[in-house]
Protein backbone atom coordinates (compact mmCIF):
# COMPACT_ATOMS: atom_id res chain seq x y z
CA MET A 1 -35.36 2.30 -13.35
CA ASN A 2 -37.96 0.12 -14.94
CA LYS A 3 -39.00 1.77 -18.16
CA PRO A 4 -41.55 0.36 -20.64
CA ARG A 5 -39.83 -1.51 -23.43
CA LEU A 6 -40.24 -0.98 -27.14
CA THR A 7 -42.59 -3.35 -28.91
CA LEU A 8 -40.67 -5.21 -31.61
CA THR A 9 -41.28 -8.50 -33.34
CA ILE A 10 -38.94 -11.45 -32.95
CA THR A 11 -38.11 -11.13 -36.64
CA THR A 12 -37.08 -7.49 -36.20
CA ILE A 13 -34.95 -8.30 -33.16
CA ALA A 14 -33.22 -11.13 -35.00
CA ALA A 15 -32.52 -8.84 -37.95
CA LEU A 16 -31.02 -6.22 -35.66
CA THR A 17 -28.77 -8.54 -33.70
CA ALA A 18 -27.70 -11.24 -36.12
CA PRO A 19 -24.99 -9.26 -37.99
CA LEU A 20 -23.25 -8.11 -34.82
CA ALA A 21 -23.59 -11.52 -33.17
CA LEU A 22 -21.07 -12.89 -35.68
CA ALA A 23 -18.40 -10.58 -34.29
CA GLN A 24 -18.55 -11.71 -30.66
CA SER A 25 -15.20 -12.30 -28.97
CA ALA A 26 -14.07 -15.54 -27.39
CA SER A 27 -14.51 -15.89 -23.65
CA THR A 28 -11.73 -14.44 -21.50
CA TYR A 29 -12.47 -16.92 -18.70
CA THR A 30 -10.81 -20.34 -19.04
CA GLY A 31 -10.97 -21.52 -15.43
CA PRO A 32 -13.06 -24.21 -13.73
CA LYS A 33 -16.84 -24.12 -13.73
CA VAL A 34 -18.27 -21.51 -11.36
CA GLU A 35 -21.70 -20.20 -10.45
CA LEU A 36 -22.45 -16.48 -10.20
CA THR A 37 -25.37 -14.65 -8.65
CA TYR A 38 -26.41 -11.54 -10.55
CA VAL A 39 -28.86 -9.13 -8.89
CA HIS A 40 -30.61 -6.48 -10.97
CA GLY A 41 -33.68 -4.29 -10.67
CA PHE A 42 -35.27 -4.93 -14.06
CA THR A 43 -38.53 -6.30 -12.70
CA ALA A 44 -41.05 -5.10 -15.31
CA SER A 45 -41.31 -6.14 -18.95
CA ASP A 46 -37.55 -5.71 -19.31
CA ARG A 47 -37.06 -8.67 -16.96
CA THR A 48 -37.73 -11.16 -19.77
CA ILE A 49 -35.14 -9.41 -21.93
CA LYS A 50 -32.58 -9.60 -19.15
CA GLU A 51 -33.36 -13.29 -18.60
CA GLU A 52 -32.91 -13.95 -22.31
CA LEU A 53 -29.47 -12.34 -22.22
CA ILE A 54 -28.49 -14.44 -19.21
CA LYS A 55 -29.71 -17.55 -21.01
CA ARG A 56 -27.59 -16.68 -24.05
CA PHE A 57 -24.56 -16.04 -21.86
CA ASN A 58 -24.88 -19.38 -20.10
CA ALA A 59 -25.29 -21.20 -23.41
CA SER A 60 -22.09 -19.66 -24.75
CA HIS A 61 -20.10 -20.14 -21.53
CA PRO A 62 -20.17 -23.79 -20.39
CA ASN A 63 -17.81 -23.06 -17.49
CA ILE A 64 -19.94 -20.21 -16.04
CA VAL A 65 -23.49 -20.44 -14.73
CA VAL A 66 -25.13 -17.09 -14.02
CA LYS A 67 -28.28 -17.10 -11.92
CA GLY A 68 -30.18 -13.85 -12.25
CA GLN A 69 -32.30 -12.41 -9.45
CA ALA A 70 -34.76 -9.62 -10.29
CA VAL A 71 -35.11 -7.56 -7.11
CA PRO A 72 -36.70 -4.09 -6.87
CA TRP A 73 -33.97 -1.46 -6.78
CA PRO A 74 -34.91 -0.04 -3.33
CA THR A 75 -34.86 -3.52 -1.80
CA THR A 76 -31.36 -4.16 -3.11
CA TRP A 77 -30.08 -0.81 -1.83
CA GLN A 78 -31.51 -1.57 1.60
CA GLN A 79 -30.12 -5.10 1.81
CA LEU A 80 -26.72 -4.69 0.14
CA PRO A 81 -24.76 -3.14 3.06
CA SER A 82 -25.69 -5.95 5.46
CA LEU A 83 -25.01 -8.60 2.81
CA VAL A 84 -21.56 -7.15 2.17
CA SER A 85 -20.80 -6.96 5.89
CA ALA A 86 -21.85 -10.59 6.34
CA GLY A 87 -19.80 -11.80 3.36
CA ARG A 88 -22.93 -12.95 1.53
CA ALA A 89 -23.14 -10.36 -1.25
CA PRO A 90 -24.08 -11.38 -4.80
CA ASP A 91 -21.23 -11.68 -7.29
CA VAL A 92 -22.51 -8.99 -9.67
CA VAL A 93 -25.00 -6.17 -9.13
CA ALA A 94 -26.55 -3.75 -11.61
CA VAL A 95 -26.31 -0.35 -9.91
CA THR A 96 -28.12 2.86 -10.80
CA GLU A 97 -26.42 6.23 -10.98
CA ASP A 98 -28.32 7.76 -8.08
CA VAL A 99 -26.85 5.40 -5.46
CA MET A 100 -23.48 4.34 -6.86
CA GLY A 101 -21.62 7.35 -5.48
CA ASN A 102 -22.78 6.55 -1.96
CA PHE A 103 -21.93 2.87 -2.23
CA MET A 104 -18.53 3.48 -3.81
CA ALA A 105 -17.64 5.93 -1.04
CA ARG A 106 -18.69 3.40 1.61
CA GLY A 107 -16.56 0.63 0.13
CA MET A 108 -19.44 -1.60 -0.94
CA PHE A 109 -17.80 -2.43 -4.27
CA VAL A 110 -14.28 -3.42 -5.27
CA GLU A 111 -12.14 -1.56 -7.76
CA ILE A 112 -11.89 -2.87 -11.30
CA THR A 113 -8.21 -2.29 -11.96
CA PRO A 114 -6.43 -1.62 -15.26
CA SER A 115 -5.08 -5.17 -15.00
CA ASP A 116 -8.62 -6.51 -14.62
CA LEU A 117 -9.72 -4.60 -17.70
CA SER A 118 -6.79 -5.87 -19.73
CA LYS A 119 -7.40 -9.51 -18.79
CA ALA A 120 -11.13 -9.20 -19.50
CA LYS A 121 -10.49 -7.27 -22.73
CA ILE A 122 -12.74 -4.41 -21.65
CA LYS A 123 -11.75 -1.07 -23.21
CA SER A 124 -12.83 2.29 -21.84
CA SER A 125 -12.69 3.72 -25.36
CA ASP A 126 -15.59 1.47 -26.38
CA PHE A 127 -17.99 3.35 -24.09
CA TYR A 128 -19.32 6.88 -23.97
CA LYS A 129 -16.92 8.84 -21.81
CA ASN A 130 -19.62 10.31 -19.55
CA LEU A 131 -20.83 6.82 -18.61
CA TRP A 132 -17.35 5.47 -17.98
CA THR A 133 -16.17 8.37 -15.82
CA SER A 134 -19.44 8.28 -13.85
CA SER A 135 -18.55 4.72 -12.84
CA THR A 136 -15.42 5.99 -11.06
CA TYR A 137 -14.81 7.41 -7.60
CA LYS A 138 -11.62 9.22 -6.58
CA GLY A 139 -9.90 8.06 -9.73
CA LYS A 140 -10.78 4.38 -9.37
CA LEU A 141 -13.16 2.43 -11.59
CA TYR A 142 -15.90 0.41 -9.91
CA GLY A 143 -18.27 -0.52 -12.72
CA VAL A 144 -18.77 -1.26 -16.41
CA PRO A 145 -21.65 0.72 -17.98
CA PHE A 146 -24.47 -1.51 -19.16
CA SER A 147 -27.53 0.60 -19.94
CA GLN A 148 -28.60 4.23 -20.23
CA ILE A 149 -31.72 6.31 -20.73
CA SER A 150 -32.10 10.05 -21.22
CA PHE A 151 -34.40 12.93 -21.92
CA VAL A 152 -35.30 13.41 -25.58
CA MET A 153 -37.59 15.74 -27.51
CA PHE A 154 -40.71 14.11 -28.89
CA TYR A 155 -42.40 16.25 -31.55
CA ASN A 156 -45.79 16.24 -33.27
CA LYS A 157 -45.15 16.27 -37.02
CA ASP A 158 -48.65 17.33 -38.05
CA LEU A 159 -48.94 20.16 -35.52
CA LEU A 160 -45.50 21.51 -36.44
CA LYS A 161 -46.47 21.57 -40.11
CA LYS A 162 -49.82 23.20 -39.35
CA SER A 163 -48.04 25.81 -37.21
CA GLY A 164 -45.56 26.68 -39.95
CA VAL A 165 -42.48 25.20 -38.28
CA THR A 166 -40.34 23.81 -41.10
CA SER A 167 -37.26 22.65 -39.18
CA LEU A 168 -36.61 21.27 -35.72
CA PRO A 169 -35.06 23.68 -33.21
CA THR A 170 -31.51 22.99 -32.09
CA ASN A 171 -30.92 25.94 -29.75
CA ARG A 172 -32.83 28.08 -27.24
CA GLN A 173 -33.87 30.89 -29.57
CA GLN A 174 -35.08 28.51 -32.25
CA PHE A 175 -36.97 26.54 -29.62
CA ILE A 176 -38.76 29.62 -28.29
CA GLN A 177 -39.70 30.72 -31.80
CA ALA A 178 -41.00 27.28 -32.78
CA ALA A 179 -42.89 26.86 -29.50
CA GLN A 180 -44.58 30.24 -29.92
CA LYS A 181 -45.67 29.36 -33.45
CA CYS A 182 -47.27 26.23 -32.00
CA THR A 183 -49.13 28.15 -29.29
CA THR A 184 -52.67 29.39 -29.92
CA ASP A 185 -55.50 30.40 -27.65
CA LYS A 186 -59.12 29.36 -28.11
CA THR A 187 -59.64 32.14 -30.68
CA GLY A 188 -56.56 31.23 -32.73
CA LYS A 189 -54.35 34.08 -31.52
CA ARG A 190 -50.65 33.51 -30.83
CA PRO A 191 -48.32 35.01 -28.21
CA GLY A 192 -47.69 38.63 -29.17
CA ASP A 193 -51.02 39.06 -30.93
CA ALA A 194 -53.41 41.68 -29.58
CA GLY A 195 -55.93 40.03 -27.31
CA PHE A 196 -53.98 36.76 -26.90
CA ASN A 197 -55.26 34.88 -23.83
CA ALA A 198 -52.46 32.87 -22.19
CA LYS A 199 -54.93 31.40 -19.70
CA SER A 200 -57.01 29.73 -22.40
CA LEU A 201 -54.67 27.78 -24.68
CA ASN A 202 -55.88 25.51 -27.44
CA THR A 203 -52.45 24.30 -28.56
CA TYR A 204 -49.06 25.08 -27.08
CA GLY A 205 -45.34 24.53 -27.49
CA VAL A 206 -44.11 22.40 -24.59
CA ASN A 207 -45.13 21.29 -21.12
CA VAL A 208 -43.08 22.66 -18.23
CA ALA A 209 -44.03 20.09 -15.63
CA VAL A 210 -44.11 20.33 -11.87
CA GLY A 211 -42.33 17.25 -10.51
CA GLN A 212 -40.61 16.05 -13.67
CA GLY A 213 -39.38 19.57 -14.38
CA ASN A 214 -36.37 18.98 -12.13
CA LEU A 215 -34.81 16.73 -14.78
CA MET A 216 -35.36 19.27 -17.54
CA ALA A 217 -33.92 21.94 -15.23
CA TYR A 218 -30.87 19.79 -14.53
CA GLY A 219 -30.07 19.61 -18.23
CA ILE A 220 -30.37 23.39 -18.62
CA LEU A 221 -28.23 23.96 -15.51
CA ARG A 222 -25.47 21.77 -16.94
CA GLY A 223 -25.89 23.49 -20.30
CA ASN A 224 -25.24 26.79 -18.53
CA GLY A 225 -21.96 25.38 -17.23
CA GLY A 226 -23.23 24.85 -13.69
CA ASP A 227 -23.77 21.83 -11.46
CA LEU A 228 -25.70 20.80 -8.38
CA VAL A 229 -22.51 20.74 -6.29
CA ASN A 230 -19.16 22.53 -6.29
CA ALA A 231 -15.67 21.05 -6.41
CA SER A 232 -15.91 20.16 -2.71
CA GLN A 233 -19.20 18.34 -3.39
CA ASP A 234 -21.14 20.86 -1.35
CA PRO A 235 -24.60 21.96 -2.59
CA ALA A 236 -24.27 24.81 -5.11
CA PHE A 237 -27.56 24.95 -6.99
CA ASP A 238 -28.11 28.57 -5.95
CA SER A 239 -25.46 29.63 -8.47
CA PRO A 240 -26.06 32.22 -11.23
CA GLU A 241 -26.15 29.31 -13.71
CA ALA A 242 -28.91 27.59 -11.74
CA GLN A 243 -30.89 30.80 -11.32
CA GLU A 244 -30.70 31.46 -15.06
CA ALA A 245 -31.87 27.92 -15.84
CA LEU A 246 -34.90 28.12 -13.57
CA GLN A 247 -35.79 31.63 -14.68
CA PHE A 248 -35.83 30.38 -18.28
CA MET A 249 -38.26 27.64 -17.32
CA VAL A 250 -40.48 30.18 -15.58
CA ASP A 251 -40.25 32.41 -18.65
CA LEU A 252 -41.45 29.60 -20.90
CA VAL A 253 -44.71 29.79 -18.97
CA GLN A 254 -45.03 33.43 -17.95
CA LYS A 255 -43.07 35.40 -20.58
CA TYR A 256 -43.17 33.35 -23.76
CA ASN A 257 -46.54 31.74 -22.93
CA VAL A 258 -45.65 28.43 -24.58
CA SER A 259 -46.73 26.19 -21.68
CA LYS A 260 -49.80 25.98 -19.51
CA PRO A 261 -49.10 26.85 -15.86
CA ASN A 262 -48.92 24.21 -13.12
CA MET A 263 -48.63 21.30 -15.53
CA THR A 264 -47.69 17.78 -14.49
CA ALA A 265 -45.85 15.15 -16.47
CA GLU A 266 -49.12 13.24 -16.79
CA SER A 267 -51.05 16.20 -18.19
CA GLY A 268 -48.24 16.91 -20.63
CA ILE A 269 -48.27 13.32 -21.86
CA ALA A 270 -52.04 13.39 -22.29
CA ASP A 271 -51.94 16.67 -24.23
CA PHE A 272 -49.14 15.45 -26.49
CA ARG A 273 -51.05 12.25 -27.25
CA ALA A 274 -54.13 14.35 -28.02
CA GLY A 275 -52.23 16.51 -30.52
CA LYS A 276 -52.35 19.64 -28.37
CA ALA A 277 -48.58 20.20 -27.94
CA CYS A 278 -45.77 20.40 -30.48
CA PHE A 279 -43.01 19.25 -28.15
CA ASN A 280 -42.68 16.91 -25.20
CA ILE A 281 -39.25 16.97 -23.54
CA GLU A 282 -39.34 13.78 -21.54
CA GLY A 283 -37.72 10.42 -20.93
CA ALA A 284 -37.14 8.17 -23.93
CA TRP A 285 -39.15 5.48 -22.11
CA LEU A 286 -42.36 7.33 -23.03
CA ASN A 287 -41.99 6.15 -26.62
CA THR A 288 -44.30 3.20 -25.99
CA GLN A 289 -47.07 5.56 -24.88
CA TYR A 290 -47.01 7.33 -28.23
CA GLN A 291 -46.86 4.31 -30.51
CA GLY A 292 -49.94 3.11 -32.35
CA ILE A 293 -52.14 6.18 -31.82
CA LYS A 294 -54.50 6.69 -34.75
CA ASP A 295 -53.83 9.79 -36.87
CA PHE A 296 -50.86 10.74 -34.71
CA GLU A 297 -47.50 11.20 -36.41
CA TYR A 298 -44.58 11.97 -34.13
CA GLY A 299 -40.80 11.87 -34.17
CA VAL A 300 -37.91 11.81 -31.71
CA ALA A 301 -35.00 14.25 -31.68
CA PRO A 302 -32.23 15.32 -29.31
CA VAL A 303 -33.12 17.96 -26.74
CA PRO A 304 -32.13 21.36 -28.19
CA GLN A 305 -29.35 23.31 -26.54
CA LEU A 306 -31.49 25.16 -24.00
CA GLY A 307 -28.49 26.16 -21.90
CA THR A 308 -26.36 29.19 -22.68
CA LYS A 309 -22.98 27.50 -23.13
CA ARG A 310 -23.20 23.91 -24.37
CA PRO A 311 -25.55 21.09 -25.37
CA ALA A 312 -26.72 19.17 -22.29
CA PHE A 313 -29.59 17.00 -21.14
CA TRP A 314 -30.35 14.71 -18.20
CA THR A 315 -29.16 11.11 -18.46
CA ALA A 316 -29.40 8.09 -16.16
CA PHE A 317 -27.54 4.80 -16.44
CA GLN A 318 -26.66 1.51 -14.79
CA SER A 319 -23.28 -0.14 -14.33
CA LEU A 320 -22.34 -3.72 -13.57
CA MET A 321 -20.42 -3.70 -10.28
CA LEU A 322 -18.68 -6.30 -8.14
CA PRO A 323 -19.54 -6.14 -4.41
CA ARG A 324 -16.85 -6.52 -1.78
CA GLN A 325 -16.62 -10.16 -0.68
CA LYS A 326 -15.15 -12.15 2.21
CA PRO A 327 -11.34 -12.56 2.23
CA ASN A 328 -11.36 -16.15 0.92
CA TYR A 329 -13.59 -15.33 -2.06
CA ASP A 330 -12.83 -17.50 -5.09
CA ASN A 331 -10.80 -15.43 -7.56
CA ASN A 332 -12.17 -17.58 -10.38
CA LYS A 333 -15.60 -16.15 -9.64
CA ARG A 334 -14.19 -12.65 -9.91
CA LEU A 335 -12.64 -13.44 -13.29
CA ALA A 336 -15.90 -15.00 -14.44
CA ALA A 337 -17.82 -11.92 -13.27
CA LEU A 338 -15.56 -9.69 -15.35
CA GLU A 339 -16.18 -11.93 -18.36
CA PHE A 340 -19.90 -11.58 -17.73
CA ALA A 341 -19.55 -7.78 -17.71
CA ARG A 342 -17.51 -7.87 -20.92
CA TRP A 343 -19.98 -10.12 -22.76
CA MET A 344 -23.07 -8.22 -21.61
CA THR A 345 -21.67 -4.94 -22.94
CA GLU A 346 -20.42 -6.24 -26.29
CA PRO A 347 -22.03 -4.72 -29.40
CA ALA A 348 -24.32 -7.68 -30.12
CA GLN A 349 -25.76 -7.80 -26.62
CA SER A 350 -25.88 -4.00 -26.33
CA LEU A 351 -27.81 -3.76 -29.59
CA TYR A 352 -30.24 -6.46 -28.49
CA TRP A 353 -30.85 -4.69 -25.17
CA THR A 354 -31.44 -1.28 -26.77
CA ALA A 355 -33.68 -2.74 -29.47
CA THR A 356 -35.95 -4.50 -27.02
CA SER A 357 -35.87 -2.57 -23.73
CA GLY A 358 -36.15 1.03 -24.91
CA ALA A 359 -32.73 1.86 -23.48
CA LEU A 360 -30.20 3.89 -25.44
CA PRO A 361 -26.75 2.71 -26.57
CA ILE A 362 -23.79 2.81 -24.20
CA ARG A 363 -21.29 2.49 -27.04
CA ALA A 364 -20.66 4.74 -30.03
CA ASP A 365 -20.05 1.76 -32.32
CA VAL A 366 -23.62 0.58 -31.67
CA SER A 367 -25.03 4.09 -32.14
CA LYS A 368 -23.24 4.43 -35.47
CA SER A 369 -23.94 0.91 -36.71
CA THR A 370 -26.06 0.28 -39.79
CA GLU A 371 -28.24 -1.95 -37.62
CA TYR A 372 -29.09 0.89 -35.23
CA GLU A 373 -29.97 3.21 -38.11
CA LYS A 374 -33.32 1.38 -38.15
CA SER A 375 -34.08 2.66 -34.65
CA GLN A 376 -36.38 5.61 -34.07
CA PHE A 377 -33.71 6.92 -31.69
CA ALA A 378 -30.87 6.91 -34.22
CA GLY A 379 -30.82 10.72 -34.35
CA VAL A 380 -30.79 10.96 -30.57
CA ALA A 381 -27.94 8.48 -30.24
CA ALA A 382 -25.67 10.77 -32.23
CA GLU A 383 -25.87 13.30 -29.37
CA LEU A 384 -25.53 10.95 -26.39
CA GLU A 385 -22.08 12.28 -25.53
CA HIS A 386 -23.84 15.45 -24.34
CA GLY A 387 -25.78 13.64 -21.63
CA TYR A 388 -25.04 14.76 -18.06
CA ILE A 389 -25.55 12.40 -15.14
CA PRO A 390 -26.29 13.43 -11.55
CA THR A 391 -24.01 10.92 -9.85
CA GLY A 392 -20.69 10.44 -8.07
CA VAL A 393 -21.72 12.41 -4.98
CA PRO A 394 -21.85 10.26 -1.81
CA TRP A 395 -24.71 12.34 -0.40
CA LEU A 396 -26.62 12.80 -3.65
CA PRO A 397 -30.10 12.25 -2.11
CA GLN A 398 -29.37 14.99 0.43
CA VAL A 399 -28.71 17.33 -2.50
CA MET A 400 -31.37 16.16 -4.93
CA THR A 401 -34.38 16.24 -2.62
CA PRO A 402 -34.03 19.95 -1.70
CA TRP A 403 -33.31 20.66 -5.39
CA TYR A 404 -36.56 18.97 -6.39
CA GLN A 405 -38.49 20.82 -3.70
CA SER A 406 -37.03 24.16 -4.77
CA ILE A 407 -38.06 23.65 -8.38
CA ASP A 408 -41.58 22.60 -7.46
CA SER A 409 -42.02 25.71 -5.32
CA ILE A 410 -40.80 27.84 -8.24
CA LEU A 411 -43.02 26.25 -10.87
CA LEU A 412 -46.03 26.38 -8.55
CA GLY A 413 -45.42 30.09 -7.99
CA LYS A 414 -44.86 29.74 -4.25
CA LYS A 415 -41.42 31.38 -4.31
CA ASN A 416 -39.32 33.36 -6.75
CA VAL A 417 -36.29 31.67 -8.29
CA LYS A 418 -33.59 33.20 -6.09
CA ASP A 419 -35.40 32.70 -2.79
CA ALA A 420 -36.40 29.12 -3.60
CA LEU A 421 -32.89 28.08 -4.62
CA ASN A 422 -31.29 29.82 -1.64
CA ALA A 423 -33.67 28.05 0.72
CA GLY A 424 -33.03 24.75 -1.03
CA VAL A 425 -29.26 25.05 -0.76
CA THR A 426 -29.51 26.01 2.91
CA GLU A 427 -31.53 22.87 3.60
CA ALA A 428 -29.25 20.71 1.45
CA ARG A 429 -26.16 21.93 3.31
CA LYS A 430 -27.72 20.91 6.62
CA GLN A 431 -28.46 17.43 5.29
CA VAL A 432 -25.03 17.06 3.69
CA GLN A 433 -23.30 18.09 6.92
CA GLN A 434 -25.08 15.25 8.69
CA ALA A 435 -24.28 12.80 5.89
CA ARG A 436 -20.58 13.70 6.02
CA GLN A 437 -20.42 12.31 9.56
CA THR A 438 -21.10 8.80 8.26
CA ILE A 439 -19.37 8.98 4.86
CA ARG A 440 -15.80 10.15 4.60
């Protein structure tokens, strides 16, 4: 995903990265000079950040030359299978969570063995567990986590104060109460007041968005203890946990009256920028859209526990993976590629990437560092272990698309929760059955 990067000065970046840069480890690759091709999908403003990291790597590794290629993600996913089959695959690829399960199942990438990790001095304990395990398939590791992004809760400081909300909500009940305090109609009445008009809101608690709502719903589903699929990786988003999650989202609009009906992500962003909403549960990448607005004070916090059993929110990430190569592939290039993965995910480089791209830390030592305390996302980083990632399923698109369509039909009022989810699962099972014929 190409997300807008944070705007920081060179001085700020240097201040953030200099202390950790002193602690960088020596290269684990001591072989002859090799050249690596690294394909990634960071094609927007984050491309220059990626290129700077590659430049720094090459400068510190005289026996490795990495040539980066910024290619749109969909183009890479389309081309990779034929490149692997022809023995012309790049040496390293940045892979997003939504496709890695499919590619791992189809043998597009090679396992990174415990021996590989030991030689490259890459430790699983350095990374958030959810990212590391999501880079595995059937017990084998295929990637090293490099970057992540997640849903967060943006909040309007002035509107919260005006509404009488003195502390940020951390659970469902607190969230409902705070959101209702923030909600007023054109006459100043709040939900529960006599004569309150839910169809004519002046300010409100949170936007429940058609389209983007599927990601919010996913977090609540996982917080209820459910998942999109069952243990056999068959579609299961018609479960009681899923029905409860979607009914809660409907209730935010129809029962608690803290969201306008039929909202979109775009209308929610516009209202939050205009000071009309207390909360905006959205991707951390939206931070750049809220910076620099006159007379607008906002903050960033973890998503409250909206599920019934545990904290959970949607997360996406990328891993550095090694494509399958022709039989006579130079093992020195493989060793160099592992060194590249190690160096790129070290604290200094990880901190630089998060400070400049808008991504969130992949390592707890970066999240807890004194350098990262300067970040607006420091409070969010403390909760990153509760991020849940829709990945690891070979036929994920065949599950996700009907899931998205079900949620849209629910939020648009076309179907009730149970009927929409049942219809979605029925369609997903048909698509998965077809996909199973080509992926085993």
